[in-house]
Amino acid sequence: MSATFRAFMVNKTPERFTAQVQELSQADLPAGEVLIRVAYSSVNYKDALACIPDGKVVRSYPLVPGIDLSGVVVESSDPRFQAGDEVIVTSYDLGVSHYGGFSEYARVPAAWVVPLPQGLTLKEAMALGTAGIEAGLAVHQLEKNGLTPQRGPVLVTGATGGVGSLAVNMLAKLGYTVAASTGKQTAHAYLKELGASTILNREDVSAESNRPLEKELWAGSVDSVGGTTLAYLIRTARYGGSIAACGLTGGTAVSTTVIPFILRGVNLLGIDSVFCPMELRREVWQRLASDLKPTQLAHISHEVTLDELPQVTAALLRGEGRGRTVVRLGGGS
């Protein structure tokens, strides 16, 4: 590898906070068994929080953010990986307390590394990234709990975000009747292109209610919002319906009762992608490369460079993001 390489770093001292591209060397990288030439990363909401001084995501400074990366192994002391292997790393402590994907090189523990599955390029893997794993896990767990297209419609909330956009397209590809909710009036055509048959306004699915049960509407749902939206989904789930909860942009507090669970048999499924067991993680990545691979992945994602990250993360924090943002580093397939 070259003597120095570029990385986007954040640092915080009592006097100032910085977030900028700078030069690093291999000696600056943290410990790990696998050295990777990074081809692509992606921008997630957690990454945007890492790029502001009060984001409460970064555990220690200085840090290279980026909770996702894909690339090619340069060297490995773990026999499971060889130089030239194409690999993916997402979540764990990457980009939080361990230097992450916003860098041309990364060194990581071998236990975090997933071989790139056949059917995905390195760029497609980052168009999916953590959002893809969360959406894939949500669909996977919904199906394990009995969801089929014949059971009825599925609602995806926060549908223009990364998880939501991917979930809409995945479910539509599998033959589900998909409804999508959004607060962005200009995004209706986009969601229709992804496969949504019905578009609901955010207010329709976030209104508070004193009723423990309402009309049975949804056989399943993928919720990246939380708060009053999750409470609505619990009240309106069909008998035996399931809700995959994977986000909190609408808040962490949920006001509900036990009634939907004991009278309708509603299933509330927690989706965690950070410490998801490796066996399940690899199983979902295989599905993301095959039956769950979105048909509109190129439409859902767009590409930026390291130098554009400040503008991208600021827009994401303002709620202006749509779909997935891929960060090009070393290039590759």
Protein backbone atom coordinates (compact mmCIF):
# COMPACT_ATOMS: atom_id res chain seq x y z
CA MET A 1 0.00 0.00 0.00
CA SER A 2 1.06 3.60 -0.46
CA ALA A 3 2.90 5.43 2.33
CA THR A 4 -0.12 7.64 3.01
CA PHE A 5 -3.78 7.57 2.09
CA ARG A 6 -6.86 9.75 2.46
CA ALA A 7 -9.48 9.44 5.19
CA PHE A 8 -12.29 11.56 6.58
CA MET A 9 -11.61 12.08 10.28
CA VAL A 10 -13.47 13.65 13.17
CA ASN A 11 -11.75 14.92 16.31
CA LYS A 12 -13.00 16.66 19.40
CA THR A 13 -11.06 18.49 22.09
CA PRO A 14 -12.28 20.89 24.77
CA GLU A 15 -11.40 23.74 22.41
CA ARG A 16 -12.75 22.61 19.03
CA PHE A 17 -14.38 19.98 16.83
CA THR A 18 -13.07 19.11 13.37
CA ALA A 19 -14.43 16.92 10.57
CA GLN A 20 -12.24 16.86 7.49
CA VAL A 21 -10.26 14.83 4.98
CA GLN A 22 -6.65 14.25 5.95
CA GLU A 23 -3.68 12.00 5.25
CA LEU A 24 -3.09 8.86 7.33
CA SER A 25 -0.51 6.10 7.27
CA GLN A 26 -0.83 2.37 7.96
CA ALA A 27 0.62 2.98 11.44
CA ASP A 28 -2.41 5.14 12.26
CA LEU A 29 -4.86 2.26 11.74
CA PRO A 30 -6.14 0.33 14.76
CA ALA A 31 -5.37 -3.32 15.46
CA GLY A 32 -7.05 -6.11 13.52
CA GLU A 33 -6.26 -9.27 11.60
CA VAL A 34 -7.45 -8.06 8.18
CA LEU A 35 -6.16 -5.08 6.20
CA ILE A 36 -8.59 -3.97 3.47
CA ARG A 37 -8.21 -1.62 0.51
CA VAL A 38 -11.59 0.06 0.75
CA ALA A 39 -13.51 0.38 -2.51
CA TYR A 40 -16.78 1.87 -1.22
CA SER A 41 -18.50 2.95 1.95
CA SER A 42 -21.94 4.44 2.52
CA VAL A 43 -23.59 7.18 4.57
CA ASN A 44 -25.99 6.22 7.35
CA TYR A 45 -27.79 8.39 9.90
CA LYS A 46 -25.32 7.19 12.56
CA ASP A 47 -22.46 8.40 10.33
CA ALA A 48 -24.08 11.82 10.07
CA LEU A 49 -24.33 11.99 13.87
CA ALA A 50 -20.65 11.06 14.12
CA CYS A 51 -19.80 14.13 12.03
CA ILE A 52 -21.22 16.67 14.49
CA PRO A 53 -19.83 17.54 17.94
CA ASP A 54 -22.97 16.60 19.92
CA GLY A 55 -24.01 13.51 17.96
CA LYS A 56 -23.39 11.19 20.94
CA VAL A 57 -22.29 8.33 18.68
CA VAL A 58 -18.50 8.46 18.72
CA ARG A 59 -17.02 6.73 21.76
CA SER A 60 -13.45 7.98 21.41
CA TYR A 61 -11.61 10.60 19.34
CA PRO A 62 -9.98 10.90 16.89
CA LEU A 63 -12.05 8.60 14.68
CA VAL A 64 -12.70 7.72 11.05
CA PRO A 65 -16.52 7.39 10.79
CA GLY A 66 -18.27 5.02 8.40
CA ILE A 67 -20.14 2.00 9.78
CA ASP A 68 -20.01 0.21 6.39
CA LEU A 69 -17.27 -0.70 3.95
CA SER A 70 -16.54 -3.04 1.08
CA GLY A 71 -13.19 -3.72 -0.50
CA VAL A 72 -10.34 -6.11 -1.23
CA VAL A 73 -8.15 -7.82 1.35
CA VAL A 74 -4.53 -6.64 1.20
CA GLU A 75 -3.19 -8.90 3.92
CA SER A 76 -4.61 -11.15 6.63
CA SER A 77 -3.23 -13.06 9.57
CA ASP A 78 -6.48 -15.04 9.73
CA PRO A 79 -6.53 -18.10 7.43
CA ARG A 80 -10.18 -17.54 6.55
CA PHE A 81 -9.20 -14.55 4.39
CA GLN A 82 -6.54 -14.20 1.71
CA ALA A 83 -5.10 -11.25 -0.20
CA GLY A 84 -7.40 -10.50 -3.12
CA ASP A 85 -10.64 -11.60 -1.39
CA GLU A 86 -13.57 -9.24 -1.87
CA VAL A 87 -15.24 -8.59 1.46
CA ILE A 88 -17.87 -6.59 3.35
CA VAL A 89 -17.73 -5.17 6.88
CA THR A 90 -20.72 -3.53 8.56
CA SER A 91 -21.65 -2.47 12.09
CA TYR A 92 -20.04 -3.94 15.25
CA ASP A 93 -17.80 -1.09 16.52
CA LEU A 94 -16.85 0.05 13.00
CA GLY A 95 -17.06 3.83 12.68
CA VAL A 96 -18.04 4.22 16.33
CA SER A 97 -14.99 3.25 18.39
CA HIS A 98 -12.92 1.60 15.63
CA TYR A 99 -11.73 3.46 12.51
CA GLY A 100 -14.40 2.93 9.87
CA GLY A 101 -15.14 3.01 6.18
CA PHE A 102 -14.50 6.66 5.29
CA SER A 103 -10.89 5.78 4.50
CA GLU A 104 -8.98 4.34 1.56
CA TYR A 105 -7.65 1.60 3.87
CA ALA A 106 -9.10 -0.10 6.96
CA ARG A 107 -7.82 -2.69 9.40
CA VAL A 108 -10.51 -4.70 11.19
CA PRO A 109 -10.99 -7.85 13.30
CA ALA A 110 -11.50 -10.95 11.16
CA ALA A 111 -14.64 -11.77 13.17
CA TRP A 112 -16.37 -8.78 11.56
CA VAL A 113 -15.61 -9.71 7.94
CA VAL A 114 -18.17 -11.21 5.53
CA PRO A 115 -17.07 -12.59 2.13
CA LEU A 116 -18.77 -10.73 -0.71
CA PRO A 117 -21.54 -13.11 -1.85
CA GLN A 118 -21.83 -14.09 -5.49
CA GLY A 119 -24.44 -11.89 -7.12
CA LEU A 120 -23.26 -8.58 -5.62
CA THR A 121 -20.56 -6.15 -6.68
CA LEU A 122 -18.60 -4.17 -4.10
CA LYS A 123 -20.57 -1.07 -5.05
CA GLU A 124 -23.94 -2.84 -4.79
CA ALA A 125 -22.93 -4.13 -1.36
CA MET A 126 -22.57 -0.54 -0.17
CA ALA A 127 -25.76 0.59 -1.88
CA LEU A 128 -27.23 -1.92 0.57
CA GLY A 129 -24.89 -1.60 3.58
CA THR A 130 -26.33 -1.44 7.08
CA ALA A 131 -29.67 -0.21 5.71
CA GLY A 132 -29.84 -3.25 3.46
CA ILE A 133 -29.00 -5.62 6.29
CA GLU A 134 -31.72 -4.02 8.44
CA ALA A 135 -34.31 -4.19 5.67
CA GLY A 136 -33.25 -7.75 4.82
CA LEU A 137 -33.39 -8.83 8.44
CA ALA A 138 -36.83 -7.25 8.78
CA VAL A 139 -38.23 -9.14 5.78
CA HIS A 140 -36.47 -12.34 6.86
CA GLN A 141 -37.91 -12.20 10.39
CA LEU A 142 -41.40 -11.24 9.17
CA GLU A 143 -41.42 -14.30 6.94
CA LYS A 144 -40.15 -16.53 9.76
CA ASN A 145 -43.18 -15.34 11.72
CA GLY A 146 -45.63 -16.37 9.02
CA LEU A 147 -45.89 -13.39 6.67
CA THR A 148 -46.70 -14.29 3.06
CA PRO A 149 -48.12 -12.18 0.22
CA GLN A 150 -51.44 -13.96 0.68
CA ARG A 151 -51.77 -12.74 4.29
CA GLY A 152 -52.40 -9.15 3.22
CA PRO A 153 -50.72 -5.78 2.69
CA VAL A 154 -47.46 -4.69 4.28
CA LEU A 155 -46.79 -1.11 5.39
CA VAL A 156 -43.30 0.39 5.29
CA THR A 157 -42.88 3.58 7.33
CA GLY A 158 -40.19 6.20 6.78
CA ALA A 159 -40.26 4.85 3.26
CA THR A 160 -37.93 7.34 1.56
CA GLY A 161 -35.03 6.60 3.91
CA GLY A 162 -32.41 3.96 3.21
CA VAL A 163 -34.10 1.13 5.12
CA GLY A 164 -37.55 2.13 3.92
CA SER A 165 -36.65 2.47 0.25
CA LEU A 166 -34.91 -0.90 0.20
CA ALA A 167 -37.71 -2.61 2.14
CA VAL A 168 -40.36 -1.31 -0.26
CA ASN A 169 -38.46 -2.62 -3.27
CA MET A 170 -37.60 -5.97 -1.65
CA LEU A 171 -41.18 -6.64 -0.61
CA ALA A 172 -42.58 -5.64 -3.99
CA LYS A 173 -40.09 -7.96 -5.70
CA LEU A 174 -41.31 -10.83 -3.50
CA GLY A 175 -44.91 -10.22 -4.57
CA TYR A 176 -46.27 -8.36 -1.55
CA THR A 177 -48.84 -5.58 -1.77
CA VAL A 178 -46.83 -2.70 -0.32
CA ALA A 179 -48.06 0.52 1.23
CA ALA A 180 -45.53 3.24 2.02
CA SER A 181 -45.77 6.22 4.36
CA THR A 182 -43.75 9.40 4.01
CA GLY A 183 -43.81 13.04 5.01
CA LYS A 184 -42.34 14.08 1.66
CA GLN A 185 -45.07 15.01 -0.83
CA THR A 186 -42.57 15.11 -3.67
CA ALA A 187 -41.53 11.48 -3.14
CA HIS A 188 -44.75 9.73 -4.17
CA ALA A 189 -43.58 8.99 -7.72
CA TYR A 190 -40.26 7.67 -6.39
CA LEU A 191 -42.03 5.24 -4.04
CA LYS A 192 -44.37 4.08 -6.81
CA GLU A 193 -41.31 3.31 -8.95
CA LEU A 194 -39.94 1.17 -6.12
CA GLY A 195 -43.14 -0.86 -6.04
CA ALA A 196 -45.47 0.79 -3.52
CA SER A 197 -49.11 0.48 -4.55
CA THR A 198 -50.43 2.92 -1.92
CA ILE A 199 -48.84 6.05 -0.45
CA LEU A 200 -49.87 7.30 3.00
CA ASN A 201 -48.99 10.64 4.52
CA ARG A 202 -46.90 10.60 7.68
CA GLU A 203 -49.79 12.12 9.63
CA ASP A 204 -52.03 9.19 8.71
CA VAL A 205 -49.81 6.75 10.57
CA SER A 206 -48.60 8.85 13.49
CA ALA A 207 -51.81 10.19 15.02
CA GLU A 208 -52.21 9.37 18.70
CA SER A 209 -55.25 7.44 19.90
CA ASN A 210 -56.72 6.30 23.21
CA ARG A 211 -58.15 3.18 21.58
CA PRO A 212 -56.13 0.00 22.22
CA LEU A 213 -57.35 -1.54 18.95
CA GLU A 214 -58.41 -0.09 15.62
CA LYS A 215 -59.42 -1.55 12.27
CA GLU A 216 -57.21 -4.47 11.21
CA LEU A 217 -55.17 -3.20 8.26
CA TRP A 218 -51.65 -4.59 8.02
CA ALA A 219 -50.49 -8.20 7.84
CA GLY A 220 -46.98 -6.94 8.40
CA SER A 221 -44.96 -3.77 8.64
CA VAL A 222 -41.38 -2.53 8.57
CA ASP A 223 -41.00 0.44 10.89
CA SER A 224 -37.94 2.69 10.93
CA VAL A 225 -39.77 5.50 12.75
CA GLY A 226 -40.85 4.30 16.20
CA GLY A 227 -42.74 6.58 18.58
CA THR A 228 -46.39 7.22 17.79
CA THR A 229 -46.01 5.49 14.41
CA LEU A 230 -45.07 2.21 16.06
CA ALA A 231 -48.03 2.58 18.43
CA TYR A 232 -50.31 3.03 15.39
CA LEU A 233 -48.89 -0.11 13.75
CA ILE A 234 -49.53 -2.17 16.88
CA ARG A 235 -53.17 -0.96 17.05
CA THR A 236 -53.86 -1.64 13.37
CA ALA A 237 -52.05 -4.93 12.83
CA ARG A 238 -54.18 -7.79 11.55
CA TYR A 239 -54.69 -10.90 13.66
CA GLY A 240 -51.33 -12.68 13.91
CA GLY A 241 -49.62 -9.79 12.13
CA SER A 242 -45.99 -8.87 12.73
CA ILE A 243 -44.13 -5.57 13.03
CA ALA A 244 -40.38 -5.38 12.42
CA ALA A 245 -39.10 -2.43 14.46
CA CYS A 246 -35.73 -1.13 13.26
CA GLY A 247 -35.62 2.63 13.80
CA LEU A 248 -36.37 5.58 16.05
CA THR A 249 -36.45 8.73 13.95
CA GLY A 250 -39.92 9.47 15.35
CA GLY A 251 -38.94 8.91 18.97
CA THR A 252 -38.08 6.17 21.44
CA ALA A 253 -41.20 6.22 23.64
CA VAL A 254 -44.13 4.00 22.57
CA SER A 255 -47.56 4.25 24.20
CA THR A 256 -49.49 1.02 23.84
CA THR A 257 -51.34 -1.67 25.79
CA VAL A 258 -51.10 -5.45 26.01
CA ILE A 259 -54.47 -5.78 24.25
CA PRO A 260 -53.16 -6.15 20.64
CA PHE A 261 -50.75 -8.84 21.79
CA ILE A 262 -53.21 -10.97 23.76
CA LEU A 263 -56.36 -10.45 21.66
CA ARG A 264 -54.85 -10.35 18.14
CA GLY A 265 -51.62 -12.26 18.66
CA VAL A 266 -49.57 -9.38 17.27
CA ASN A 267 -45.81 -9.98 17.05
CA LEU A 268 -43.37 -7.15 17.71
CA LEU A 269 -39.98 -8.09 16.25
CA GLY A 270 -36.86 -6.19 17.23
CA ILE A 271 -34.32 -5.83 14.42
CA ASP A 272 -30.67 -5.37 15.41
CA SER A 273 -27.98 -5.21 12.75
CA VAL A 274 -25.06 -4.15 14.96
CA PHE A 275 -24.40 -7.39 16.82
CA CYS A 276 -26.48 -9.71 14.65
CA PRO A 277 -24.94 -13.23 14.90
CA MET A 278 -22.56 -13.95 12.03
CA GLU A 279 -24.46 -17.04 10.87
CA LEU A 280 -27.65 -15.02 10.43
CA ARG A 281 -25.72 -12.05 9.02
CA ARG A 282 -24.19 -14.21 6.29
CA GLU A 283 -27.55 -15.84 5.57
CA VAL A 284 -29.18 -12.44 5.03
CA TRP A 285 -26.27 -11.25 2.85
CA GLN A 286 -26.81 -14.33 0.68
CA ARG A 287 -30.48 -13.38 0.33
CA LEU A 288 -29.51 -9.78 -0.45
CA ALA A 289 -27.48 -11.15 -3.34
CA SER A 290 -30.36 -13.31 -4.59
CA ASP A 291 -34.10 -13.22 -3.85
CA LEU A 292 -33.96 -10.05 -1.74
CA LYS A 293 -31.69 -8.11 -4.10
CA PRO A 294 -33.59 -4.91 -4.95
CA THR A 295 -34.53 -4.45 -8.60
CA GLN A 296 -34.15 -0.66 -8.31
CA LEU A 297 -30.83 -0.53 -6.46
CA ALA A 298 -29.25 1.90 -8.92
CA HIS A 299 -32.29 4.19 -8.62
CA ILE A 300 -32.26 4.04 -4.82
CA SER A 301 -28.56 4.94 -4.51
CA HIS A 302 -26.22 7.68 -5.70
CA GLU A 303 -22.45 8.11 -5.45
CA VAL A 304 -20.32 10.79 -3.76
CA THR A 305 -16.67 11.31 -2.83
CA LEU A 306 -14.95 11.81 0.53
CA ASP A 307 -14.79 15.54 -0.11
CA GLU A 308 -18.58 15.74 -0.44
CA LEU A 309 -19.29 14.11 2.93
CA PRO A 310 -19.90 17.34 4.94
CA GLN A 311 -22.69 18.39 2.58
CA VAL A 312 -24.20 14.89 2.49
CA THR A 313 -24.24 14.38 6.25
CA ALA A 314 -25.67 17.86 6.87
CA ALA A 315 -28.52 17.19 4.45
CA LEU A 316 -29.23 13.84 6.10
CA LEU A 317 -29.47 15.49 9.52
CA ARG A 318 -31.93 18.03 8.09
CA GLY A 319 -34.17 15.18 6.95
CA GLU A 320 -33.40 15.79 3.28
CA GLY A 321 -31.85 12.42 2.51
CA ARG A 322 -33.46 9.93 0.14
CA GLY A 323 -32.45 6.37 -0.54
CA ARG A 324 -28.80 5.44 -0.15
CA THR A 325 -25.55 7.38 -0.57
CA VAL A 326 -22.49 5.39 -1.66
CA VAL A 327 -19.01 6.84 -0.98
CA ARG A 328 -16.44 5.97 -3.64
CA LEU A 329 -12.94 5.43 -2.28
CA GLY A 330 -10.62 3.09 -4.12
CA GLY A 331 -13.10 1.99 -6.76
CA GLY A 332 -13.60 -1.63 -7.71
CA SER A 333 -16.41 -3.80 -8.95
